[in-house]
């Protein structure tokens, strides 16, 4: 697979995974949740999906060649990028007014 395609696949996966906790009411997008998920649950899911996308990206890098070792700075930067990608889902869930029963 082309390296450019791999990069875009990782970015697309990160965009989808970052917004997934905010656009559904299920835990980890598969387990039914009895009540409305509170923000702490959504943030824990966000952290889980960050790790999942990280493993996916590491696998893509490993398939392209040798994966480079990373320090804490890399993870801090990529987590901030992941939070930035989650902003549209956060706005949709908490800042937009939704019609109830209309």
PDB file of N, CA and C in Angstrom:
ATOM      1  N   UNK A   1       0.843  -1.176   0.000  1.00  0.00           N
ATOM      2  CA  UNK A   1       0.000   0.000   0.000  1.00  0.00           C
ATOM      3  C   UNK A   1       0.885   1.236   0.000  1.00  0.00           C
ATOM      4  N   UNK A   2       0.480   2.223  -0.734  1.00  0.00           N
ATOM      5  CA  UNK A   2       1.199   3.481  -0.833  1.00  0.00           C
ATOM      6  C   UNK A   2       1.243   4.171   0.531  1.00  0.00           C
ATOM      7  N   UNK A   3       2.353   4.828   0.842  1.00  0.00           N
ATOM      8  CA  UNK A   3       2.501   5.488   2.139  1.00  0.00           C
ATOM      9  C   UNK A   3       1.506   6.637   2.299  1.00  0.00           C
ATOM     10  N   UNK A   4       1.214   7.350   1.238  1.00  0.00           N
ATOM     11  CA  UNK A   4       0.240   8.446   1.297  1.00  0.00           C
ATOM     12  C   UNK A   4      -1.145   7.917   1.640  1.00  0.00           C
ATOM     13  N   UNK A   5      -1.515   6.800   1.055  1.00  0.00           N
ATOM     14  CA  UNK A   5      -2.811   6.184   1.352  1.00  0.00           C
ATOM     15  C   UNK A   5      -2.859   5.757   2.810  1.00  0.00           C
ATOM     16  N   UNK A   6      -1.769   5.216   3.336  1.00  0.00           N
ATOM     17  CA  UNK A   6      -1.714   4.805   4.732  1.00  0.00           C
ATOM     18  C   UNK A   6      -1.915   5.989   5.664  1.00  0.00           C
ATOM     19  N   UNK A   7      -1.284   7.106   5.362  1.00  0.00           N
ATOM     20  CA  UNK A   7      -1.419   8.302   6.192  1.00  0.00           C
ATOM     21  C   UNK A   7      -2.860   8.784   6.191  1.00  0.00           C
ATOM     22  N   UNK A   8      -3.489   8.821   5.015  1.00  0.00           N
ATOM     23  CA  UNK A   8      -4.874   9.286   4.945  1.00  0.00           C
ATOM     24  C   UNK A   8      -5.832   8.317   5.629  1.00  0.00           C
ATOM     25  N   UNK A   9      -5.539   7.029   5.581  1.00  0.00           N
ATOM     26  CA  UNK A   9      -6.363   6.051   6.299  1.00  0.00           C
ATOM     27  C   UNK A   9      -6.282   6.274   7.809  1.00  0.00           C
ATOM     28  N   UNK A  10      -5.104   6.555   8.315  1.00  0.00           N
ATOM     29  CA  UNK A  10      -4.940   6.809   9.747  1.00  0.00           C
ATOM     30  C   UNK A  10      -5.667   8.095  10.142  1.00  0.00           C
ATOM     31  N   UNK A  11      -5.557   9.125   9.334  1.00  0.00           N
ATOM     32  CA  UNK A  11      -6.244  10.388   9.642  1.00  0.00           C
ATOM     33  C   UNK A  11      -7.759  10.196   9.615  1.00  0.00           C
ATOM     34  N   UNK A  12      -8.274   9.472   8.638  1.00  0.00           N
ATOM     35  CA  UNK A  12      -9.703   9.197   8.559  1.00  0.00           C
ATOM     36  C   UNK A  12     -10.170   8.360   9.752  1.00  0.00           C
ATOM     37  N   UNK A  13      -9.397   7.349  10.112  1.00  0.00           N
ATOM     38  CA  UNK A  13      -9.738   6.531  11.280  1.00  0.00           C
ATOM     39  C   UNK A  13      -9.744   7.376  12.555  1.00  0.00           C
ATOM     40  N   UNK A  14      -8.785   8.279  12.686  1.00  0.00           N
ATOM     41  CA  UNK A  14      -8.736   9.144  13.860  1.00  0.00           C
ATOM     42  C   UNK A  14      -9.936  10.087  13.896  1.00  0.00           C
ATOM     43  N   UNK A  15     -10.319  10.634  12.760  1.00  0.00           N
ATOM     44  CA  UNK A  15     -11.466  11.538  12.704  1.00  0.00           C
ATOM     45  C   UNK A  15     -12.748  10.808  13.098  1.00  0.00           C
ATOM     46  N   UNK A  16     -12.944   9.636  12.563  1.00  0.00           N
ATOM     47  CA  UNK A  16     -14.148   8.866  12.895  1.00  0.00           C
ATOM     48  C   UNK A  16     -14.149   8.421  14.352  1.00  0.00           C
ATOM     49  N   UNK A  17     -13.015   7.919  14.826  1.00  0.00           N
ATOM     50  CA  UNK A  17     -12.940   7.427  16.204  1.00  0.00           C
ATOM     51  C   UNK A  17     -13.051   8.550  17.222  1.00  0.00           C
ATOM     52  N   UNK A  18     -12.550   9.724  16.901  1.00  0.00           N
ATOM     53  CA  UNK A  18     -12.612  10.846  17.840  1.00  0.00           C
ATOM     54  C   UNK A  18     -14.039  11.343  18.021  1.00  0.00           C
ATOM     55  N   UNK A  19     -14.861  11.230  17.001  1.00  0.00           N
ATOM     56  CA  UNK A  19     -16.234  11.715  17.087  1.00  0.00           C
ATOM     57  C   UNK A  19     -17.228  10.632  17.505  1.00  0.00           C
ATOM     58  N   UNK A  20     -16.824   9.394  17.463  1.00  0.00           N
ATOM     59  CA  UNK A  20     -17.726   8.284  17.778  1.00  0.00           C
ATOM     60  C   UNK A  20     -18.315   8.363  19.190  1.00  0.00           C
ATOM     61  N   UNK A  21     -17.569   8.700  20.228  1.00  0.00           N
ATOM     62  CA  UNK A  21     -18.191   8.769  21.561  1.00  0.00           C
ATOM     63  C   UNK A  21     -19.291   9.821  21.681  1.00  0.00           C
ATOM     64  N   UNK A  22     -19.269  10.826  20.834  1.00  0.00           N
ATOM     65  CA  UNK A  22     -20.226  11.917  20.952  1.00  0.00           C
ATOM     66  C   UNK A  22     -21.475  11.744  20.101  1.00  0.00           C
ATOM     67  N   UNK A  23     -21.445  10.862  19.127  1.00  0.00           N
ATOM     68  CA  UNK A  23     -22.586  10.741  18.222  1.00  0.00           C
ATOM     69  C   UNK A  23     -23.443   9.509  18.485  1.00  0.00           C
ATOM     70  N   UNK A  24     -23.086   8.676  19.454  1.00  0.00           N
ATOM     71  CA  UNK A  24     -23.935   7.534  19.766  1.00  0.00           C
ATOM     72  C   UNK A  24     -24.122   7.412  21.275  1.00  0.00           C
ATOM     73  N   UNK A  25     -25.111   6.610  21.660  1.00  0.00           N
ATOM     74  CA  UNK A  25     -25.427   6.434  23.082  1.00  0.00           C
ATOM     75  C   UNK A  25     -24.959   5.090  23.617  1.00  0.00           C
ATOM     76  N   UNK A  26     -24.226   4.350  22.835  1.00  0.00           N
ATOM     77  CA  UNK A  26     -23.745   3.038  23.268  1.00  0.00           C
ATOM     78  C   UNK A  26     -22.328   3.157  23.812  1.00  0.00           C
ATOM     79  N   UNK A  27     -22.014   2.294  24.746  1.00  0.00           N
ATOM     80  CA  UNK A  27     -20.677   2.258  25.312  1.00  0.00           C
ATOM     81  C   UNK A  27     -19.742   1.573  24.327  1.00  0.00           C
ATOM     82  N   UNK A  28     -18.683   2.226  23.939  1.00  0.00           N
ATOM     83  CA  UNK A  28     -17.722   1.738  22.939  1.00  0.00           C
ATOM     84  C   UNK A  28     -18.402   1.415  21.613  1.00  0.00           C
ATOM     85  N   UNK A  29     -19.512   2.071  21.358  1.00  0.00           N
ATOM     86  CA  UNK A  29     -20.281   1.969  20.116  1.00  0.00           C
ATOM     87  C   UNK A  29     -20.950   0.612  19.915  1.00  0.00           C
ATOM     88  N   UNK A  30     -20.882  -0.298  20.886  1.00  0.00           N
ATOM     89  CA  UNK A  30     -21.518  -1.602  20.716  1.00  0.00           C
ATOM     90  C   UNK A  30     -22.373  -2.022  21.909  1.00  0.00           C
ATOM     91  N   UNK A  31     -22.036  -1.622  23.126  1.00  0.00           N
ATOM     92  CA  UNK A  31     -22.728  -2.077  24.330  1.00  0.00           C
ATOM     93  C   UNK A  31     -23.852  -1.094  24.665  1.00  0.00           C
ATOM     94  N   UNK A  32     -25.099  -1.556  24.733  1.00  0.00           N
ATOM     95  CA  UNK A  32     -26.197  -0.650  25.075  1.00  0.00           C
ATOM     96  C   UNK A  32     -25.994  -0.040  26.461  1.00  0.00           C
ATOM     97  N   UNK A  33     -26.268   1.243  26.567  1.00  0.00           N
ATOM     98  CA  UNK A  33     -26.098   1.985  27.816  1.00  0.00           C
ATOM     99  C   UNK A  33     -27.479   2.401  28.281  1.00  0.00           C
ATOM    100  N   UNK A  34     -27.830   2.122  29.545  1.00  0.00           N
ATOM    101  CA  UNK A  34     -29.192   2.337  30.037  1.00  0.00           C
ATOM    102  C   UNK A  34     -29.617   3.806  29.999  1.00  0.00           C
ATOM    103  N   UNK A  35     -28.762   4.690  30.459  1.00  0.00           N
ATOM    104  CA  UNK A  35     -29.122   6.108  30.539  1.00  0.00           C
ATOM    105  C   UNK A  35     -28.263   6.918  29.572  1.00  0.00           C
ATOM    106  N   UNK A  36     -28.483   8.207  29.565  1.00  0.00           N
ATOM    107  CA  UNK A  36     -27.643   9.122  28.766  1.00  0.00           C
ATOM    108  C   UNK A  36     -26.215   9.067  29.302  1.00  0.00           C
ATOM    109  N   UNK A  37     -25.262   8.885  28.409  1.00  0.00           N
ATOM    110  CA  UNK A  37     -23.862   8.835  28.840  1.00  0.00           C
ATOM    111  C   UNK A  37     -23.429  10.221  29.297  1.00  0.00           C
ATOM    112  N   UNK A  38     -22.771  10.270  30.443  1.00  0.00           N
ATOM    113  CA  UNK A  38     -22.242  11.530  30.951  1.00  0.00           C
ATOM    114  C   UNK A  38     -20.889  11.815  30.289  1.00  0.00           C
ATOM    115  N   UNK A  39     -20.435  13.040  30.434  1.00  0.00           N
ATOM    116  CA  UNK A  39     -19.176  13.450  29.814  1.00  0.00           C
ATOM    117  C   UNK A  39     -17.982  12.591  30.255  1.00  0.00           C
ATOM    118  N   UNK A  40     -17.855  12.208  31.548  1.00  0.00           N
ATOM    119  CA  UNK A  40     -16.708  11.352  31.910  1.00  0.00           C
ATOM    120  C   UNK A  40     -16.663  10.026  31.141  1.00  0.00           C
ATOM    121  N   UNK A  41     -17.828   9.415  30.886  1.00  0.00           N
ATOM    122  CA  UNK A  41     -17.857   8.188  30.090  1.00  0.00           C
ATOM    123  C   UNK A  41     -17.375   8.448  28.677  1.00  0.00           C
ATOM    124  N   UNK A  42     -17.804   9.565  28.128  1.00  0.00           N
ATOM    125  CA  UNK A  42     -17.407   9.898  26.762  1.00  0.00           C
ATOM    126  C   UNK A  42     -15.901  10.165  26.684  1.00  0.00           C
ATOM    127  N   UNK A  43     -15.344  10.792  27.707  1.00  0.00           N
ATOM    128  CA  UNK A  43     -13.900  11.046  27.714  1.00  0.00           C
ATOM    129  C   UNK A  43     -13.103   9.756  27.867  1.00  0.00           C
ATOM    130  N   UNK A  44     -13.606   8.823  28.675  1.00  0.00           N
ATOM    131  CA  UNK A  44     -12.938   7.518  28.778  1.00  0.00           C
ATOM    132  C   UNK A  44     -12.975   6.776  27.443  1.00  0.00           C
ATOM    133  N   UNK A  45     -14.119   6.852  26.772  1.00  0.00           N
ATOM    134  CA  UNK A  45     -14.209   6.251  25.441  1.00  0.00           C
ATOM    135  C   UNK A  45     -13.242   6.918  24.475  1.00  0.00           C
ATOM    136  N   UNK A  46     -13.122   8.230  24.575  1.00  0.00           N
ATOM    137  CA  UNK A  46     -12.202   8.969  23.714  1.00  0.00           C
ATOM    138  C   UNK A  46     -10.768   8.481  23.929  1.00  0.00           C
ATOM    139  N   UNK A  47     -10.396   8.270  25.175  1.00  0.00           N
ATOM    140  CA  UNK A  47      -9.061   7.756  25.493  1.00  0.00           C
ATOM    141  C   UNK A  47      -8.869   6.343  24.938  1.00  0.00           C
ATOM    142  N   UNK A  48      -9.902   5.507  25.066  1.00  0.00           N
ATOM    143  CA  UNK A  48      -9.835   4.149  24.527  1.00  0.00           C
ATOM    144  C   UNK A  48      -9.653   4.172  23.011  1.00  0.00           C
ATOM    145  N   UNK A  49     -10.449   5.006  22.330  1.00  0.00           N
ATOM    146  CA  UNK A  49     -10.357   5.073  20.873  1.00  0.00           C
ATOM    147  C   UNK A  49      -9.036   5.680  20.413  1.00  0.00           C
ATOM    148  N   UNK A  50      -8.461   6.575  21.220  1.00  0.00           N
ATOM    149  CA  UNK A  50      -7.125   7.098  20.907  1.00  0.00           C
ATOM    150  C   UNK A  50      -6.109   5.953  20.889  1.00  0.00           C
ATOM    151  N   UNK A  51      -6.180   5.094  21.892  1.00  0.00           N
ATOM    152  CA  UNK A  51      -5.287   3.940  21.922  1.00  0.00           C
ATOM    153  C   UNK A  51      -5.521   2.993  20.765  1.00  0.00           C
ATOM    154  N   UNK A  52      -6.782   2.785  20.426  1.00  0.00           N
ATOM    155  CA  UNK A  52      -7.124   1.897  19.313  1.00  0.00           C
ATOM    156  C   UNK A  52      -6.578   2.433  17.987  1.00  0.00           C
ATOM    157  N   UNK A  53      -6.747   3.721  17.753  1.00  0.00           N
ATOM    158  CA  UNK A  53      -6.210   4.328  16.527  1.00  0.00           C
ATOM    159  C   UNK A  53      -4.682   4.295  16.562  1.00  0.00           C
ATOM    160  N   UNK A  54      -4.094   4.464  17.736  1.00  0.00           N
ATOM    161  CA  UNK A  54      -2.638   4.380  17.856  1.00  0.00           C
ATOM    162  C   UNK A  54      -2.111   3.003  17.475  1.00  0.00           C
ATOM    163  N   UNK A  55      -2.805   1.974  17.918  1.00  0.00           N
ATOM    164  CA  UNK A  55      -2.405   0.606  17.551  1.00  0.00           C
ATOM    165  C   UNK A  55      -2.567   0.395  16.047  1.00  0.00           C
ATOM    166  N   UNK A  56      -3.657   0.915  15.479  1.00  0.00           N
ATOM    167  CA  UNK A  56      -3.870   0.823  14.029  1.00  0.00           C
ATOM    168  C   UNK A  56      -2.750   1.542  13.274  1.00  0.00           C
ATOM    169  N   UNK A  57      -2.405   2.747  13.721  1.00  0.00           N
ATOM    170  CA  UNK A  57      -1.348   3.520  13.057  1.00  0.00           C
ATOM    171  C   UNK A  57       0.002   2.818  13.194  1.00  0.00           C
ATOM    172  N   UNK A  58       0.265   2.262  14.367  1.00  0.00           N
ATOM    173  CA  UNK A  58       1.520   1.540  14.570  1.00  0.00           C
ATOM    174  C   UNK A  58       1.588   0.325  13.634  1.00  0.00           C
ATOM    175  N   UNK A  59       0.462  -0.367  13.472  1.00  0.00           N
ATOM    176  CA  UNK A  59       0.422  -1.506  12.553  1.00  0.00           C
ATOM    177  C   UNK A  59       0.672  -1.089  11.113  1.00  0.00           C
ATOM    178  N   UNK A  60       0.100   0.048  10.721  1.00  0.00           N
ATOM    179  CA  UNK A  60       0.345   0.553   9.366  1.00  0.00           C
ATOM    180  C   UNK A  60       1.811   0.924   9.183  1.00  0.00           C
ATOM    181  N   UNK A  61       2.401   1.534  10.211  1.00  0.00           N
ATOM    182  CA  UNK A  61       3.815   1.902  10.125  1.00  0.00           C
ATOM    183  C   UNK A  61       4.696   0.658  10.088  1.00  0.00           C
ATOM    184  N   UNK A  62       4.324  -0.337  10.871  1.00  0.00           N
ATOM    185  CA  UNK A  62       5.086  -1.589  10.909  1.00  0.00           C
ATOM    186  C   UNK A  62       5.021  -2.304   9.564  1.00  0.00           C
ATOM    187  N   UNK A  63       3.871  -2.241   8.885  1.00  0.00           N
ATOM    188  CA  UNK A  63       3.755  -2.913   7.587  1.00  0.00           C
ATOM    189  C   UNK A  63       4.547  -2.177   6.506  1.00  0.00           C
ATOM    190  N   UNK A  64       4.788  -0.885   6.701  1.00  0.00           N
ATOM    191  CA  UNK A  64       5.555  -0.114   5.719  1.00  0.00           C
ATOM    192  C   UNK A  64       7.056  -0.246   5.935  1.00  0.00           C
ATOM    193  N   UNK A  65       7.450  -0.688   7.098  1.00  0.00           N
ATOM    194  CA  UNK A  65       8.875  -0.801   7.424  1.00  0.00           C
ATOM    195  C   UNK A  65       9.031  -0.884   8.924  1.00  0.00           C
ATOM    196  N   UNK A  66      10.164  -0.459   9.422  1.00  0.00           N
ATOM    197  CA  UNK A  66      10.413  -0.518  10.856  1.00  0.00           C
ATOM    198  C   UNK A  66       9.757   0.676  11.545  1.00  0.00           C
ATOM    199  N   UNK A  67       8.984   0.393  12.600  1.00  0.00           N
ATOM    200  CA  UNK A  67       8.327   1.455  13.356  1.00  0.00           C
ATOM    201  C   UNK A  67       9.363   2.163  14.226  1.00  0.00           C
ATOM    202  N   UNK A  68       9.343   3.491  14.186  1.00  0.00           N
ATOM    203  CA  UNK A  68      10.305   4.285  14.953  1.00  0.00           C
ATOM    204  C   UNK A  68       9.853   4.392  16.407  1.00  0.00           C
ATOM    205  N   UNK A  69      10.778   4.331  17.358  1.00  0.00           N
ATOM    206  CA  UNK A  69      10.408   4.512  18.765  1.00  0.00           C
ATOM    207  C   UNK A  69       9.989   5.964  19.012  1.00  0.00           C
ATOM    208  N   UNK A  70       9.009   6.145  19.901  1.00  0.00           N
ATOM    209  CA  UNK A  70       8.470   7.479  20.171  1.00  0.00           C
ATOM    210  C   UNK A  70       8.595   7.797  21.654  1.00  0.00           C
ATOM    211  N   UNK A  71       8.766   9.069  21.953  1.00  0.00           N
ATOM    212  CA  UNK A  71       8.818   9.535  23.332  1.00  0.00           C
ATOM    213  C   UNK A  71       7.470  10.106  23.766  1.00  0.00           C
ATOM    214  N   UNK A  72       7.411  10.613  24.989  1.00  0.00           N
ATOM    215  CA  UNK A  72       6.160  11.134  25.524  1.00  0.00           C
ATOM    216  C   UNK A  72       5.663  12.339  24.734  1.00  0.00           C
ATOM    217  N   UNK A  73       6.576  13.083  24.132  1.00  0.00           N
ATOM    218  CA  UNK A  73       6.185  14.268  23.368  1.00  0.00           C
ATOM    219  C   UNK A  73       5.287  13.897  22.190  1.00  0.00           C
ATOM    220  N   UNK A  74       5.620  12.789  21.544  1.00  0.00           N
ATOM    221  CA  UNK A  74       4.822  12.312  20.412  1.00  0.00           C
ATOM    222  C   UNK A  74       3.404  11.994  20.858  1.00  0.00           C
ATOM    223  N   UNK A  75       3.251  11.291  21.975  1.00  0.00           N
ATOM    224  CA  UNK A  75       1.929  10.903  22.451  1.00  0.00           C
ATOM    225  C   UNK A  75       1.133  12.113  22.944  1.00  0.00           C
ATOM    226  N   UNK A  76       1.797  13.071  23.567  1.00  0.00           N
ATOM    227  CA  UNK A  76       1.108  14.292  24.003  1.00  0.00           C
ATOM    228  C   UNK A  76       0.605  15.073  22.794  1.00  0.00           C
ATOM    229  N   UNK A  77       1.419  15.173  21.774  1.00  0.00           N
ATOM    230  CA  UNK A  77       1.030  15.906  20.567  1.00  0.00           C
ATOM    231  C   UNK A  77      -0.101  15.207  19.825  1.00  0.00           C
ATOM    232  N   UNK A  78       0.003  13.902  19.659  1.00  0.00           N
ATOM    233  CA  UNK A  78      -1.040  13.186  18.928  1.00  0.00           C
ATOM    234  C   UNK A  78      -2.349  13.155  19.714  1.00  0.00           C
ATOM    235  N   UNK A  79      -2.286  13.132  21.043  1.00  0.00           N
ATOM    236  CA  UNK A  79      -3.522  13.177  21.827  1.00  0.00           C
ATOM    237  C   UNK A  79      -4.192  14.543  21.689  1.00  0.00           C
ATOM    238  N   UNK A  80      -3.409  15.606  21.670  1.00  0.00           N
ATOM    239  CA  UNK A  80      -3.981  16.938  21.446  1.00  0.00           C
ATOM    240  C   UNK A  80      -4.607  17.033  20.057  1.00  0.00           C
ATOM    241  N   UNK A  81      -3.974  16.437  19.060  1.00  0.00           N
ATOM    242  CA  UNK A  81      -4.551  16.398  17.720  1.00  0.00           C
ATOM    243  C   UNK A  81      -5.853  15.602  17.720  1.00  0.00           C
ATOM    244  N   UNK A  82      -5.875  14.499  18.454  1.00  0.00           N
ATOM    245  CA  UNK A  82      -7.075  13.675  18.556  1.00  0.00           C
ATOM    246  C   UNK A  82      -8.207  14.463  19.215  1.00  0.00           C
ATOM    247  N   UNK A  83      -7.895  15.237  20.252  1.00  0.00           N
ATOM    248  CA  UNK A  83      -8.901  16.091  20.889  1.00  0.00           C
ATOM    249  C   UNK A  83      -9.425  17.141  19.920  1.00  0.00           C
ATOM    250  N   UNK A  84      -8.547  17.688  19.113  1.00  0.00           N
ATOM    251  CA  UNK A  84      -8.965  18.673  18.110  1.00  0.00           C
ATOM    252  C   UNK A  84      -9.904  18.036  17.085  1.00  0.00           C
ATOM    253  N   UNK A  85      -9.606  16.812  16.690  1.00  0.00           N
ATOM    254  CA  UNK A  85     -10.483  16.112  15.741  1.00  0.00           C
ATOM    255  C   UNK A  85     -11.836  15.783  16.363  1.00  0.00           C
ATOM    256  N   UNK A  86     -11.907  15.691  17.699  1.00  0.00           N
ATOM    257  CA  UNK A  86     -13.159  15.374  18.384  1.00  0.00           C
ATOM    258  C   UNK A  86     -14.058  16.584  18.559  1.00  0.00           C
ATOM    259  N   UNK A  87     -13.587  17.768  18.224  1.00  0.00           N
ATOM    260  CA  UNK A  87     -14.358  18.983  18.452  1.00  0.00           C
ATOM    261  C   UNK A  87     -15.716  19.005  17.736  1.00  0.00           C
ATOM    262  N   UNK A  88     -15.825  18.579  16.477  1.00  0.00           N
ATOM    263  CA  UNK A  88     -17.153  18.589  15.842  1.00  0.00           C
ATOM    264  C   UNK A  88     -18.177  17.718  16.585  1.00  0.00           C
ATOM    265  N   UNK A  89     -17.763  16.564  17.070  1.00  0.00           N
ATOM    266  CA  UNK A  89     -18.679  15.705  17.826  1.00  0.00           C
ATOM    267  C   UNK A  89     -19.075  16.328  19.146  1.00  0.00           C
ATOM    268  N   UNK A  90     -18.134  16.993  19.817  1.00  0.00           N
ATOM    269  CA  UNK A  90     -18.429  17.678  21.066  1.00  0.00           C
ATOM    270  C   UNK A  90     -19.436  18.802  20.840  1.00  0.00           C
ATOM    271  N   UNK A  91     -19.232  19.569  19.787  1.00  0.00           N
ATOM    272  CA  UNK A  91     -20.156  20.657  19.460  1.00  0.00           C
ATOM    273  C   UNK A  91     -21.540  20.091  19.177  1.00  0.00           C
ATOM    274  N   UNK A  92     -21.605  19.016  18.413  1.00  0.00           N
ATOM    275  CA  UNK A  92     -22.890  18.398  18.092  1.00  0.00           C
ATOM    276  C   UNK A  92     -23.610  17.938  19.356  1.00  0.00           C
ATOM    277  N   UNK A  93     -22.892  17.302  20.279  1.00  0.00           N
ATOM    278  CA  UNK A  93     -23.514  16.736  21.468  1.00  0.00           C
ATOM    279  C   UNK A  93     -23.874  17.794  22.504  1.00  0.00           C
ATOM    280  N   UNK A  94     -22.998  18.751  22.767  1.00  0.00           N
ATOM    281  CA  UNK A  94     -23.184  19.633  23.917  1.00  0.00           C
ATOM    282  C   UNK A  94     -23.503  21.088  23.587  1.00  0.00           C
ATOM    283  N   UNK A  95     -23.209  21.555  22.406  1.00  0.00           N
ATOM    284  CA  UNK A  95     -23.402  22.963  22.122  1.00  0.00           C
ATOM    285  C   UNK A  95     -24.574  23.253  21.183  1.00  0.00           C
ATOM    286  N   UNK A  96     -24.967  22.301  20.368  1.00  0.00           N
ATOM    287  CA  UNK A  96     -26.118  22.514  19.486  1.00  0.00           C
ATOM    288  C   UNK A  96     -27.401  22.131  20.208  1.00  0.00           C
ATOM    289  N   UNK A  97     -28.452  22.852  19.949  1.00  0.00           N
ATOM    290  CA  UNK A  97     -29.752  22.524  20.532  1.00  0.00           C
ATOM    291  C   UNK A  97     -30.407  21.466  19.658  1.00  0.00           C
ATOM    292  N   UNK A  98     -30.909  20.425  20.303  1.00  0.00           N
ATOM    293  CA  UNK A  98     -31.572  19.335  19.588  1.00  0.00           C
ATOM    294  C   UNK A  98     -33.065  19.399  19.875  1.00  0.00           C
ATOM    295  N   UNK A  99     -33.857  19.153  18.853  1.00  0.00           N
ATOM    296  CA  UNK A  99     -35.310  19.102  19.056  1.00  0.00           C
ATOM    297  C   UNK A  99     -35.662  17.786  19.725  1.00  0.00           C
ATOM    298  N   UNK A 100     -36.495  17.870  20.742  1.00  0.00           N
ATOM    299  CA  UNK A 100     -36.941  16.666  21.448  1.00  0.00           C
ATOM    300  C   UNK A 100     -38.421  16.425  21.121  1.00  0.00           C
ATOM    301  N   UNK A 101     -38.703  15.321  20.447  1.00  0.00           N
ATOM    302  CA  UNK A 101     -40.073  14.925  20.173  1.00  0.00           C
ATOM    303  C   UNK A 101     -40.820  15.824  19.200  1.00  0.00           C
ATOM    304  N   UNK A 102     -40.116  16.475  18.309  1.00  0.00           N
ATOM    305  CA  UNK A 102     -40.794  17.382  17.372  1.00  0.00           C
ATOM    306  C   UNK A 102     -41.183  16.676  16.104  1.00  0.00           C
TER     307      UNK A 102
END
